[in-house]
Protein backbone atom coordinates (compact mmCIF):
# COMPACT_ATOMS: atom_id res chain seq x y z
CA MET A 1 20.52 16.61 -17.01
CA ASN A 2 17.33 17.81 -15.11
CA LYS A 3 17.15 17.93 -11.44
CA LEU A 4 14.51 15.01 -11.17
CA ILE A 5 16.54 12.71 -13.43
CA ASP A 6 19.83 13.51 -11.67
CA GLY A 7 18.21 12.69 -8.24
CA TYR A 8 16.76 9.60 -9.54
CA LEU A 9 20.03 8.09 -10.89
CA SER A 10 21.60 8.89 -7.38
CA PHE A 11 18.52 7.11 -5.63
CA LEU A 12 19.03 4.10 -7.84
CA ASP A 13 22.91 3.97 -7.09
CA ASN A 14 22.39 4.45 -3.40
CA GLY A 15 19.44 2.24 -2.87
CA LYS A 16 20.25 -1.12 -4.56
CA THR A 17 18.71 -2.89 -1.54
CA GLU A 18 15.36 -2.19 0.19
CA ARG A 19 17.17 -1.25 3.43
CA ARG A 20 19.34 1.36 1.64
CA CYS A 21 16.22 2.54 -0.07
CA ALA A 22 14.53 2.98 3.15
CA THR A 23 17.62 5.01 4.64
CA GLU A 24 17.70 7.34 1.59
CA ILE A 25 13.73 7.83 1.70
CA ILE A 26 14.10 8.87 5.53
CA LYS A 27 16.96 11.15 4.68
CA GLN A 28 15.24 13.03 2.14
CA ALA A 29 11.87 13.06 4.09
CA GLU A 30 13.71 14.66 7.15
CA GLU A 31 15.24 17.21 4.83
CA ALA A 32 11.66 18.17 3.77
CA GLY A 33 10.53 18.43 7.43
CA TYR A 34 9.16 15.03 8.19
CA LYS A 35 9.85 13.62 11.68
CA SER A 36 9.42 10.00 13.08
CA ILE A 37 6.04 9.50 14.70
CA ASP A 38 7.83 8.77 17.95
CA SER A 39 8.84 12.32 18.24
CA PHE A 40 5.15 13.44 18.17
CA LYS A 41 2.69 13.51 21.41
CA SER A 42 -0.09 14.60 19.07
CA LEU A 43 -0.66 15.35 15.44
CA LYS A 44 -2.51 18.15 13.77
CA ALA A 45 -3.01 19.54 10.23
CA GLY A 46 0.17 20.52 8.71
CA ASP A 47 2.32 17.84 10.60
CA ARG A 48 4.58 15.72 8.52
CA VAL A 49 5.40 12.24 9.95
CA TYR A 50 6.95 8.95 8.89
CA ILE A 51 6.94 5.45 10.17
CA CYS A 52 9.68 2.92 9.26
CA LYS A 53 9.16 -0.89 9.66
CA MET A 54 12.11 -3.03 10.33
CA GLY A 55 14.37 -0.75 8.23
CA LYS A 56 12.65 -2.03 4.90
CA ALA A 57 9.29 -0.34 4.49
CA VAL A 58 8.49 3.43 5.22
CA MET A 59 5.33 5.21 5.22
CA LEU A 60 5.09 9.06 5.15
CA PHE A 61 1.90 11.06 6.12
CA ASP A 62 1.20 14.65 5.43
CA ILE A 63 -1.87 15.65 7.72
CA GLY A 64 -4.54 17.50 5.91
CA SER A 65 -7.16 19.88 7.39
CA GLU A 66 -10.15 17.59 7.07
CA ASP A 67 -11.14 14.64 9.09
CA ILE A 68 -8.86 11.76 8.12
CA SER A 69 -11.75 9.43 8.16
CA ASN A 70 -12.93 11.01 4.84
CA GLY A 71 -10.01 9.22 3.37
CA MET A 72 -6.48 9.85 2.34
CA ASN A 73 -4.61 10.15 -1.19
CA ILE A 74 -2.03 7.30 -1.02
CA LEU A 75 0.82 6.82 -3.46
CA GLY A 76 2.03 3.16 -3.02
CA ALA A 77 5.02 1.41 -4.53
CA HIS A 78 7.56 -1.23 -3.53
CA ILE A 79 11.29 -0.77 -3.01
CA ASP A 80 12.45 -4.44 -3.38
CA SER A 81 13.83 -5.65 -6.78
CA PRO A 82 14.68 -9.21 -8.15
CA ARG A 83 18.17 -10.26 -6.98
CA LEU A 84 20.35 -13.05 -5.65
CA ASP A 85 20.19 -13.67 -1.77
CA VAL A 86 23.40 -15.07 0.11
CA LYS A 87 22.24 -18.18 1.87
CA GLN A 88 23.03 -18.55 5.63
CA ASN A 89 25.78 -21.16 5.13
CA PRO A 90 27.36 -19.86 1.84
CA VAL A 91 31.14 -20.25 1.73
CA TYR A 92 32.51 -23.39 0.15
CA GLU A 93 35.56 -24.47 -1.97
CA LYS A 94 35.75 -26.70 -4.85
CA SER A 95 39.03 -27.39 -6.78
CA GLY A 96 40.68 -24.14 -5.33
CA ILE A 97 37.74 -22.04 -6.38
CA VAL A 98 35.92 -20.29 -3.41
CA TYR A 99 32.03 -19.83 -3.92
CA LEU A 100 29.33 -17.98 -2.20
CA ASN A 101 26.18 -19.96 -2.35
CA THR A 102 23.10 -17.81 -3.24
CA HIS A 103 19.03 -18.22 -3.65
CA TYR A 104 17.55 -16.17 -6.08
CA TYR A 105 14.79 -13.78 -5.15
CA GLY A 106 11.84 -12.83 -7.33
CA GLY A 107 11.12 -13.75 -11.04
CA ILE A 108 14.45 -13.60 -12.83
CA LYS A 109 15.90 -15.25 -16.01
CA LYS A 110 18.64 -16.93 -14.46
CA TYR A 111 20.98 -17.02 -17.36
CA GLN A 112 21.11 -13.30 -17.48
CA TRP A 113 23.07 -13.24 -14.26
CA LEU A 114 25.98 -15.13 -15.63
CA ALA A 115 29.49 -13.79 -16.64
CA MET A 116 28.70 -10.15 -15.56
CA PRO A 117 30.20 -8.01 -12.70
CA LEU A 118 28.18 -8.27 -9.42
CA ALA A 119 28.35 -6.53 -6.11
CA ILE A 120 27.51 -7.81 -2.54
CA ASN A 121 25.44 -5.26 -0.60
CA GLY A 122 23.75 -5.36 2.71
CA PHE A 123 24.40 -5.91 6.42
CA VAL A 124 25.83 -8.53 8.98
CA PHE A 125 24.33 -8.36 12.39
CA LEU A 126 26.66 -9.61 15.02
CA LYS A 127 25.34 -11.27 18.45
CA ASN A 128 26.62 -8.29 20.42
CA GLY A 129 24.11 -6.03 18.43
CA LYS A 130 26.62 -4.48 16.17
CA LYS A 131 25.70 -3.98 12.53
CA ILE A 132 28.30 -4.22 9.90
CA ASP A 133 27.71 -2.49 6.56
CA ILE A 134 28.90 -4.37 3.47
CA ASN A 135 28.98 -2.83 0.09
CA VAL A 136 31.54 -4.41 -2.16
CA GLY A 137 31.66 -4.00 -5.90
CA ASP A 138 30.20 -0.58 -6.83
CA ASP A 139 33.29 1.66 -5.98
CA PRO A 140 35.71 1.58 -8.86
CA GLU A 141 38.49 0.49 -6.50
CA ASP A 142 36.44 -2.46 -5.30
CA PRO A 143 36.68 -6.06 -6.38
CA VAL A 144 33.67 -7.37 -8.22
CA PHE A 145 32.34 -10.84 -8.50
CA CYS A 146 30.77 -13.04 -11.09
CA ILE A 147 29.05 -16.40 -11.83
CA SER A 148 30.81 -18.48 -14.36
CA ASP A 149 29.33 -19.73 -17.53
CA ILE A 150 30.32 -22.60 -19.94
CA LEU A 151 32.46 -21.52 -22.93
CA PRO A 152 30.67 -21.78 -26.37
CA HIS A 153 33.32 -24.34 -27.58
CA ILE A 154 32.05 -27.09 -25.11
CA ALA A 155 28.49 -25.81 -24.69
CA GLN A 156 26.71 -27.90 -27.28
CA LYS A 157 24.55 -29.72 -24.68
CA GLN A 158 23.79 -26.72 -22.84
CA MET A 159 22.65 -24.79 -25.95
CA GLU A 160 20.14 -27.54 -26.77
CA LYS A 161 18.44 -26.81 -23.53
CA ILE A 162 15.39 -24.58 -23.07
CA ALA A 163 16.40 -21.08 -21.52
CA SER A 164 14.96 -21.90 -18.05
CA GLU A 165 17.44 -24.78 -17.90
CA PHE A 166 20.42 -23.21 -19.06
CA ILE A 167 21.56 -22.91 -15.35
CA GLU A 168 20.01 -24.39 -12.29
CA GLY A 169 19.22 -22.11 -9.38
CA GLU A 170 21.70 -24.03 -7.23
CA ASN A 171 24.44 -23.23 -9.55
CA LEU A 172 23.98 -19.37 -9.28
CA ASP A 173 26.98 -19.13 -6.85
CA LEU A 174 29.57 -16.37 -6.91
CA ILE A 175 33.12 -16.95 -7.43
CA ILE A 176 34.81 -14.98 -4.58
CA GLY A 177 38.31 -16.20 -4.79
CA VAL A 178 40.78 -18.78 -6.10
CA GLY A 179 44.03 -20.23 -5.02
CA PRO A 180 46.48 -23.18 -5.59
CA LYS A 181 45.77 -26.86 -4.84
CA ALA A 182 45.61 -27.94 -1.14
CA LYS A 183 48.80 -29.34 0.22
CA ASP A 184 48.74 -32.78 1.90
CA GLY A 185 46.78 -32.50 5.26
CA GLU A 186 45.15 -29.18 4.27
CA THR A 187 41.31 -28.56 4.16
CA ASP A 188 39.76 -25.73 2.19
CA PRO A 189 42.87 -23.43 2.34
CA ASN A 190 41.53 -21.01 0.00
CA LYS A 191 38.11 -20.77 1.82
CA ASN A 192 39.83 -20.27 5.03
CA ARG A 193 41.94 -17.46 3.44
CA ILE A 194 38.85 -15.70 2.05
CA ILE A 195 37.11 -16.02 5.62
CA SER A 196 40.20 -14.42 7.18
CA ILE A 197 39.65 -11.36 4.95
CA PHE A 198 36.14 -11.30 6.17
CA LYS A 199 37.62 -11.11 9.67
CA GLU A 200 40.36 -8.78 9.12
CA LYS A 201 38.62 -6.21 6.70
CA TYR A 202 34.98 -6.36 7.59
CA GLY A 203 34.91 -7.67 11.21
CA PHE A 204 32.71 -10.80 10.98
CA ASP A 205 33.19 -14.49 10.97
CA GLU A 206 31.83 -17.38 8.82
CA ALA A 207 29.15 -18.09 11.55
CA ASP A 208 27.80 -14.48 11.32
CA PHE A 209 26.42 -15.24 7.78
CA GLY A 210 23.45 -16.85 9.86
CA SER A 211 22.25 -13.27 10.94
CA ALA A 212 23.26 -11.44 7.77
CA GLU A 213 21.16 -9.99 5.02
CA LEU A 214 23.26 -9.80 2.02
CA GLU A 215 22.08 -9.40 -1.45
CA VAL A 216 23.98 -9.72 -4.75
CA VAL A 217 23.15 -7.04 -7.38
CA PRO A 218 24.66 -5.89 -10.56
CA ALA A 219 27.84 -3.97 -9.99
CA GLY A 220 28.28 -0.34 -11.28
CA LYS A 221 26.11 2.82 -11.57
CA SER A 222 22.91 3.59 -13.54
CA ARG A 223 23.42 5.63 -16.72
CA LEU A 224 21.63 7.60 -19.26
CA SER A 225 21.08 5.63 -22.34
CA GLY A 226 20.91 6.58 -26.19
CA PHE A 227 22.68 9.15 -28.21
CA ASP A 228 19.97 11.61 -27.26
CA LYS A 229 20.24 10.67 -23.63
CA SER A 230 16.47 9.93 -23.64
CA MET A 231 16.57 6.84 -21.53
CA VAL A 232 17.65 5.46 -18.07
CA LEU A 233 19.49 2.17 -18.00
CA GLY A 234 19.85 0.85 -14.44
CA TYR A 235 19.37 -1.96 -12.02
CA GLY A 236 16.14 -2.10 -9.98
CA GLN A 237 13.97 0.27 -11.73
CA ASP A 238 11.02 -1.99 -11.12
CA ASP A 239 9.91 -0.41 -8.74
CA ARG A 240 12.31 2.12 -7.68
CA VAL A 241 11.39 4.48 -10.45
CA CYS A 242 7.84 4.70 -9.06
CA SER A 243 9.12 4.79 -5.52
CA TYR A 244 11.35 7.83 -6.20
CA THR A 245 8.72 9.77 -8.19
CA SER A 246 6.08 8.92 -5.41
CA LEU A 247 8.61 10.25 -2.82
CA ARG A 248 9.43 13.33 -4.54
CA ALA A 249 5.85 14.19 -5.18
CA MET A 250 5.03 13.66 -1.61
CA LEU A 251 7.85 15.81 -0.59
CA ASP A 252 7.32 18.58 -2.93
CA VAL A 253 3.54 19.01 -2.57
CA ARG A 254 1.93 19.90 0.68
CA ALA A 255 -1.26 18.29 1.83
CA GLN A 256 -4.42 20.36 1.53
CA LYS A 257 -7.83 19.00 2.70
CA ARG A 258 -7.07 15.28 2.58
CA THR A 259 -4.25 13.84 4.30
CA THR A 260 -1.64 12.45 1.86
CA CYS A 261 0.25 9.36 2.44
CA CYS A 262 3.30 7.63 0.53
CA LEU A 263 3.59 4.04 1.13
CA LEU A 264 6.97 2.40 0.11
CA VAL A 265 6.95 -1.32 0.93
CA ASP A 266 8.97 -4.39 0.62
CA LYS A 267 8.52 -8.00 -0.67
CA GLU A 268 6.39 -7.24 -3.68
CA GLU A 269 8.48 -9.40 -5.97
CA ILE A 270 7.59 -12.50 -3.80
CA GLY A 271 3.92 -11.86 -3.52
CA SER A 272 3.96 -8.95 -0.86
CA LEU A 273 4.53 -11.43 2.06
CA GLY A 274 6.03 -10.84 5.43
CA ALA A 275 5.91 -8.19 8.04
CA THR A 276 7.21 -5.59 5.58
CA GLY A 277 4.94 -6.68 2.69
CA MET A 278 1.61 -5.22 1.60
CA SER A 279 -0.16 -8.27 2.53
CA SER A 280 0.65 -7.78 6.21
CA GLN A 281 -1.14 -5.37 8.63
CA LEU A 282 1.57 -2.90 7.80
CA LEU A 283 -0.82 -0.20 6.51
CA PRO A 284 -3.66 -0.53 9.08
CA ASN A 285 -1.15 -0.57 11.77
CA ALA A 286 0.39 2.61 10.56
CA VAL A 287 -2.80 4.56 10.00
CA ALA A 288 -3.78 3.35 13.52
CA GLU A 289 -0.77 5.03 15.01
CA VAL A 290 -1.51 8.24 13.21
CA LEU A 291 -5.14 8.14 14.24
CA ALA A 292 -4.22 7.61 17.98
CA LYS A 293 -2.25 10.76 17.87
CA LEU A 294 -4.49 13.01 16.06
CA ASP A 295 -6.09 15.82 18.00
CA THR A 296 -9.43 15.28 16.50
CA ALA A 297 -9.57 11.69 17.85
CA LYS A 298 -9.66 12.77 21.56
CA ASP A 299 -13.18 14.14 21.39
CA ASP A 300 -14.58 11.72 18.69
CA LYS A 301 -17.44 9.51 19.70
CA VAL A 302 -16.92 7.21 16.73
CA PRO A 303 -15.30 4.00 17.88
CA PHE A 304 -11.59 3.85 16.92
CA GLU A 305 -11.97 0.69 14.79
CA LEU A 306 -14.70 2.24 12.85
CA ARG A 307 -12.56 5.39 12.32
CA LEU A 308 -9.74 3.17 10.87
CA ARG A 309 -12.07 1.26 8.65
CA ARG A 310 -13.57 4.51 7.34
CA THR A 311 -10.15 6.05 6.79
CA LEU A 312 -8.97 3.21 4.73
CA SER A 313 -12.13 2.50 2.78
CA ASN A 314 -12.64 6.18 1.75
CA SER A 315 -9.05 6.47 0.48
CA PHE A 316 -7.81 6.97 -3.15
CA MET A 317 -4.74 5.15 -4.10
CA LEU A 318 -2.34 4.92 -7.02
CA SER A 319 -0.56 1.67 -6.90
CA SER A 320 2.68 3.15 -8.43
CA ASP A 321 4.11 0.33 -10.51
CA VAL A 322 5.65 -0.28 -13.80
CA ASN A 323 4.13 -2.00 -16.78
CA SER A 324 5.88 -3.69 -19.73
CA ALA A 325 6.94 -1.51 -22.50
CA TYR A 326 5.89 -2.63 -26.04
CA ASP A 327 9.00 -4.17 -27.70
CA PRO A 328 8.85 -4.14 -31.54
CA LEU A 329 11.28 -6.91 -32.10
CA ASN A 330 9.03 -9.13 -29.91
CA TRP A 331 5.81 -7.86 -31.27
CA ARG A 332 3.83 -11.15 -31.15
CA LEU A 333 3.68 -10.95 -27.46
CA TYR A 334 1.66 -7.93 -27.22
CA ASP A 335 -1.78 -6.47 -28.16
CA LYS A 336 -0.38 -3.36 -29.78
CA GLN A 337 -3.60 -1.37 -29.33
CA ASN A 338 -3.53 -2.15 -25.57
CA SER A 339 0.27 -1.84 -24.86
CA SER A 340 2.25 0.93 -23.24
CA TYR A 341 5.18 2.51 -25.12
CA LEU A 342 8.28 4.29 -24.12
CA SER A 343 8.26 8.05 -24.08
CA ARG A 344 4.40 8.25 -24.36
CA GLY A 345 3.73 9.13 -20.88
CA VAL A 346 2.12 7.66 -17.74
CA VAL A 347 0.60 4.12 -18.08
CA PHE A 348 -2.58 3.27 -16.37
CA ASN A 349 -3.27 -0.50 -16.08
CA LYS A 350 -6.82 -0.97 -14.93
CA TYR A 351 -6.32 -4.54 -14.08
CA THR A 352 -3.14 -6.67 -13.69
CA GLY A 353 -3.12 -10.41 -12.70
CA SER A 354 -2.77 -13.16 -15.33
CA ARG A 355 -4.92 -14.74 -18.19
CA GLY A 356 -8.40 -14.76 -16.82
CA LYS A 357 -7.66 -11.82 -14.50
CA SER A 358 -6.24 -14.09 -11.85
CA GLY A 359 -4.77 -12.21 -8.89
CA ALA A 360 -6.06 -8.92 -10.32
CA SER A 361 -7.46 -5.87 -8.79
CA ASP A 362 -9.89 -4.37 -11.21
CA ALA A 363 -10.17 -0.60 -10.86
CA ASN A 364 -13.55 1.37 -11.01
CA PRO A 365 -14.02 3.33 -14.17
CA GLU A 366 -15.33 6.35 -12.21
CA PHE A 367 -12.13 6.68 -10.32
CA ILE A 368 -10.13 6.42 -13.55
CA ALA A 369 -12.31 9.13 -15.09
CA LYS A 370 -11.60 11.32 -12.16
CA ILE A 371 -7.84 11.00 -12.59
CA ARG A 372 -8.08 11.46 -16.32
CA ALA A 373 -9.82 14.55 -16.17
CA ARG A 374 -7.08 16.00 -14.02
CA LEU A 375 -4.31 14.89 -16.13
CA GLU A 376 -5.90 16.38 -19.45
CA GLU A 377 -6.53 19.51 -17.48
CA LYS A 378 -2.72 19.86 -16.77
CA GLY A 379 -1.62 18.53 -20.21
CA ILE A 380 0.03 15.32 -18.61
CA SER A 381 0.48 12.49 -21.14
CA TYR A 382 -1.04 9.17 -20.22
CA GLN A 383 -1.74 5.90 -21.85
CA MET A 384 -4.03 3.02 -20.99
CA ALA A 385 -2.44 -0.40 -21.44
CA GLU A 386 -2.30 -4.05 -20.22
CA LEU A 387 0.96 -6.14 -19.65
CA ALA A 388 0.91 -8.24 -22.84
CA LYS A 389 -1.53 -10.50 -24.70
CA VAL A 390 -4.26 -12.17 -22.68
CA ASP A 391 -3.04 -15.88 -22.52
CA ILE A 392 0.79 -14.90 -22.74
CA GLY A 393 1.02 -14.40 -18.88
CA GLY A 394 0.92 -11.59 -16.33
CA GLY A 395 1.77 -10.31 -12.77
CA GLY A 396 0.35 -8.79 -9.78
CA THR A 397 1.08 -5.55 -7.75
CA ILE A 398 0.14 -4.29 -4.27
CA ALA A 399 -3.03 -2.92 -5.70
CA LYS A 400 -5.03 -6.01 -4.79
CA TYR A 401 -3.96 -5.75 -1.23
CA ALA A 402 -5.13 -2.01 -0.98
CA ALA A 403 -8.41 -3.00 -2.70
CA GLU A 404 -9.13 -5.42 0.23
CA TYR A 405 -9.69 -2.36 2.40
CA GLY A 406 -12.47 -1.09 -0.04
CA MET A 407 -10.43 1.79 -1.34
CA GLN A 408 -10.43 3.22 -4.92
CA VAL A 409 -7.15 1.88 -6.43
CA VAL A 410 -5.68 1.78 -9.86
CA ASP A 411 -2.20 0.75 -11.02
CA CYS A 412 -0.15 3.77 -12.69
CA GLY A 413 3.42 4.03 -13.38
CA VAL A 414 6.02 3.98 -16.38
CA PRO A 415 6.57 1.49 -19.20
CA VAL A 416 9.85 -0.44 -18.66
CA GLN A 417 11.82 -2.66 -21.24
CA SER A 418 13.88 -5.60 -20.17
CA MET A 419 11.87 -5.63 -16.88
CA HIS A 420 13.40 -7.91 -14.23
CA ALA A 421 16.61 -8.23 -16.17
CA PRO A 422 19.86 -6.97 -14.27
CA TRP A 423 19.69 -3.67 -16.24
CA GLU A 424 16.30 -2.22 -17.07
CA LEU A 425 15.28 0.51 -19.55
CA THR A 426 12.98 3.35 -18.97
CA SER A 427 12.24 6.80 -20.64
CA VAL A 428 13.33 10.13 -19.19
CA TYR A 429 10.07 11.79 -20.55
CA ASP A 430 7.85 9.03 -18.77
CA ILE A 431 9.65 9.50 -15.45
CA ASP A 432 9.07 13.28 -15.63
CA GLN A 433 5.28 12.74 -16.48
CA VAL A 434 4.67 10.19 -13.85
CA TYR A 435 6.30 12.73 -11.31
CA GLN A 436 3.79 15.34 -12.53
CA CYS A 437 1.04 12.84 -12.34
CA TYR A 438 1.73 11.82 -8.78
CA ARG A 439 1.99 15.60 -7.73
CA GLU A 440 -1.64 16.14 -9.25
CA PHE A 441 -3.04 13.12 -7.66
CA ILE A 442 -2.03 14.25 -4.17
CA THR A 443 -4.40 17.25 -4.47
CA ILE A 444 -7.46 15.40 -5.93
CA GLU A 445 -10.53 15.62 -3.70
């Protein structure tokens, strides 16, 4: 296995939540010489700095030699993935079975989460400020959890339903314990027994779920797939495949003239909302912090706000995000000539959105031509594609939020099969090619 793929598999396994991704990103960045912006009184060319927001979004900057207001080269990806979130009052008992109540996050096919091993991953924050790390289900010695399904012998009515109605969102609840019938006078004895395990083993009580951030994710490790080991099968590859390759490109290639930035954000799967999502002021706030500490800013007569706006509007960005891979068994959904294929390299999506380009960011062809020229010069494989047939559907990325600053941006990532399923499939070749692409993009002027 090559070093890139080996590292990627570890990143997937160690980063099943956005908080864990952010922790891993900072660890690797610090090993490459990056330091928190708080440790700098001033910044100059050659400095490598990072900013972390709420433990769930990380921005890396490698300061170049020319004025930053001429623009940056930005690699932007998201580190959140579809999952189930544990509710604030989640534990209940029914007929001796103890459940954990959940609320699904992002676009999922709910039935895919039934009758499969699941893990609970995240943190509980106590009133005294203590943070308790919870990661149960991935270690071979751990218990796992599941959501039950109806046996086929009595599922005639269920099988008559359309797929979206197989199971209601309110029934996506984990079985976390089971015990005998309550004795006379007892109330929820099995629930109380499970809560006592929370107290004894993990150090938190039922009320502490109110200040917890716990995510239910597929249990187990990512793996190479296929007899030829040509693919990766793993959870959360949308969009951690682009996050990891963007990160590695940023760490492995030093900035030259233009400052480079790697923007790894949260909440894309629910519209990039919130303080750690791309629709917030996350990016301009971070760039403002960098500008304020740059040596060149001290004697600059250009107003600060104008420098900030110029920096953003003059920037180039690859919205590092995945695209749907052509599925020959479901060919009717795709425009074959305008689809992306596994193992054919990097995929550029000029516009995302849905149907009549609703919610799209439409990249300028001049910008695409500049990138194409570099990739062809370096022998990097790429393909141009859309998500599916025009009226089938669609989706958005963080590109449209970057475009609001006036910067040049285009979606660029790898094709994925079974996107948003608990286990997604990518090509080893494509992962290598997108890493090479991101490396080259960083140095484009």
